[in-house]
Amino acid sequence: MNQTFDVQGMTCGHCARAVTQAVKTLDAAAEVKVDLAGGKVEVQSQQPREALARAIEEEGYRVAAPQ
C-alpha cells in the first residue's frame, strides 16, 4: 500500500537516510522515496500508517496528521 507523509524537519541527505532507515527497520522490503524540498515521504509498505509515522518521529522528525 502506498502512503504519503508530510514530514517536518528534514533538511539534508542525512535526514533522508535516517527516515529511510527508520522505515526499513519496520519493513525491510519497503520502498521509500524522500522529497526533501517538498517535505514529503512516500512509502510503499504493508505496515500500518501509525507504525510508520511513529518510526519516523522516533528519529526526531514531526509527521503532520493526514488531511
C-alpha atoms as a PDB file:
ATOM      1  CA  MET A   1       0.000   0.000   0.000  1.00  0.00           C
ATOM      2  CA  ASN A   2       1.320   3.436  -0.950  1.00  0.00           C
ATOM      3  CA  GLN A   3       1.306   6.027   1.840  1.00  0.00           C
ATOM      4  CA  THR A   4       2.460   9.659   1.809  1.00  0.00           C
ATOM      5  CA  PHE A   5       3.619  11.518   4.905  1.00  0.00           C
ATOM      6  CA  ASP A   6       4.184  15.254   5.433  1.00  0.00           C
ATOM      7  CA  VAL A   7       7.399  15.324   7.457  1.00  0.00           C
ATOM      8  CA  GLN A   8       8.841  18.454   9.062  1.00  0.00           C
ATOM      9  CA  GLY A   9      12.486  18.894   9.978  1.00  0.00           C
ATOM     10  CA  MET A  10      14.180  17.108   7.061  1.00  0.00           C
ATOM     11  CA  THR A  11      16.896  19.306   5.573  1.00  0.00           C
ATOM     12  CA  CYS A  12      19.685  17.139   4.161  1.00  0.00           C
ATOM     13  CA  GLY A  13      20.839  13.792   2.877  1.00  0.00           C
ATOM     14  CA  HIS A  14      21.428  12.574   6.427  1.00  0.00           C
ATOM     15  CA  CYS A  15      17.762  13.274   7.209  1.00  0.00           C
ATOM     16  CA  ALA A  16      16.656  11.327   4.135  1.00  0.00           C
ATOM     17  CA  ARG A  17      18.844   8.364   5.125  1.00  0.00           C
ATOM     18  CA  ALA A  18      17.608   8.452   8.739  1.00  0.00           C
ATOM     19  CA  VAL A  19      13.954   8.424   7.679  1.00  0.00           C
ATOM     20  CA  THR A  20      14.570   5.689   5.127  1.00  0.00           C
ATOM     21  CA  GLN A  21      16.392   3.539   7.674  1.00  0.00           C
ATOM     22  CA  ALA A  22      13.652   4.052  10.257  1.00  0.00           C
ATOM     23  CA  VAL A  23      11.036   2.775   7.814  1.00  0.00           C
ATOM     24  CA  LYS A  24      13.196  -0.122   6.639  1.00  0.00           C
ATOM     25  CA  THR A  25      13.719  -1.206  10.246  1.00  0.00           C
ATOM     26  CA  LEU A  26       9.971  -1.940  10.356  1.00  0.00           C
ATOM     27  CA  ASP A  27       9.756  -3.337   6.833  1.00  0.00           C
ATOM     28  CA  ALA A  28      12.978  -4.282   5.066  1.00  0.00           C
ATOM     29  CA  ALA A  29      11.106  -4.658   1.778  1.00  0.00           C
ATOM     30  CA  ALA A  30       9.561  -1.175   1.940  1.00  0.00           C
ATOM     31  CA  GLU A  31      10.184   1.274  -0.870  1.00  0.00           C
ATOM     32  CA  VAL A  32      10.890   4.767   0.457  1.00  0.00           C
ATOM     33  CA  LYS A  33      11.077   7.986  -1.560  1.00  0.00           C
ATOM     34  CA  VAL A  34      12.074  11.168   0.292  1.00  0.00           C
ATOM     35  CA  ASP A  35      11.376  14.621  -1.176  1.00  0.00           C
ATOM     36  CA  LEU A  36      13.408  17.000   0.986  1.00  0.00           C
ATOM     37  CA  ALA A  37      12.259  20.169  -0.805  1.00  0.00           C
ATOM     38  CA  GLY A  38       8.594  19.220  -0.527  1.00  0.00           C
ATOM     39  CA  GLY A  39       8.814  17.715   2.944  1.00  0.00           C
ATOM     40  CA  LYS A  40       7.173  14.504   1.755  1.00  0.00           C
ATOM     41  CA  VAL A  41       7.976  10.856   2.308  1.00  0.00           C
ATOM     42  CA  GLU A  42       6.295   8.229   0.141  1.00  0.00           C
ATOM     43  CA  VAL A  43       6.329   4.695   1.494  1.00  0.00           C
ATOM     44  CA  GLN A  44       5.238   1.504  -0.235  1.00  0.00           C
ATOM     45  CA  SER A  45       4.677  -0.898   2.667  1.00  0.00           C
ATOM     46  CA  GLN A  46       2.087  -3.145   4.276  1.00  0.00           C
ATOM     47  CA  GLN A  47       2.896  -1.720   7.732  1.00  0.00           C
ATOM     48  CA  PRO A  48       0.163   0.371   9.407  1.00  0.00           C
ATOM     49  CA  ARG A  49       0.399   4.126   8.871  1.00  0.00           C
ATOM     50  CA  GLU A  50       0.648   4.761  12.624  1.00  0.00           C
ATOM     51  CA  ALA A  51       3.653   2.449  12.995  1.00  0.00           C
ATOM     52  CA  LEU A  52       5.477   4.098  10.088  1.00  0.00           C
ATOM     53  CA  ALA A  53       4.746   7.594  11.417  1.00  0.00           C
ATOM     54  CA  ARG A  54       5.957   6.601  14.890  1.00  0.00           C
ATOM     55  CA  ALA A  55       9.218   5.216  13.454  1.00  0.00           C
ATOM     56  CA  ILE A  56       9.835   8.496  11.589  1.00  0.00           C
ATOM     57  CA  GLU A  57       9.027  10.572  14.685  1.00  0.00           C
ATOM     58  CA  GLU A  58      11.384   8.468  16.814  1.00  0.00           C
ATOM     59  CA  GLU A  59      14.179   9.730  14.540  1.00  0.00           C
ATOM     60  CA  GLY A  60      13.318  13.284  15.641  1.00  0.00           C
ATOM     61  CA  TYR A  61      11.068  14.446  12.797  1.00  0.00           C
ATOM     62  CA  ARG A  62       7.477  15.614  13.007  1.00  0.00           C
ATOM     63  CA  VAL A  63       4.828  13.851  10.947  1.00  0.00           C
ATOM     64  CA  ALA A  64       1.788  16.034  10.245  1.00  0.00           C
ATOM     65  CA  ALA A  65      -1.633  14.470  10.713  1.00  0.00           C
ATOM     66  CA  PRO A  66      -3.159  13.227   7.447  1.00  0.00           C
ATOM     67  CA  GLN A  67      -5.702  15.553   5.875  1.00  0.00           C
END
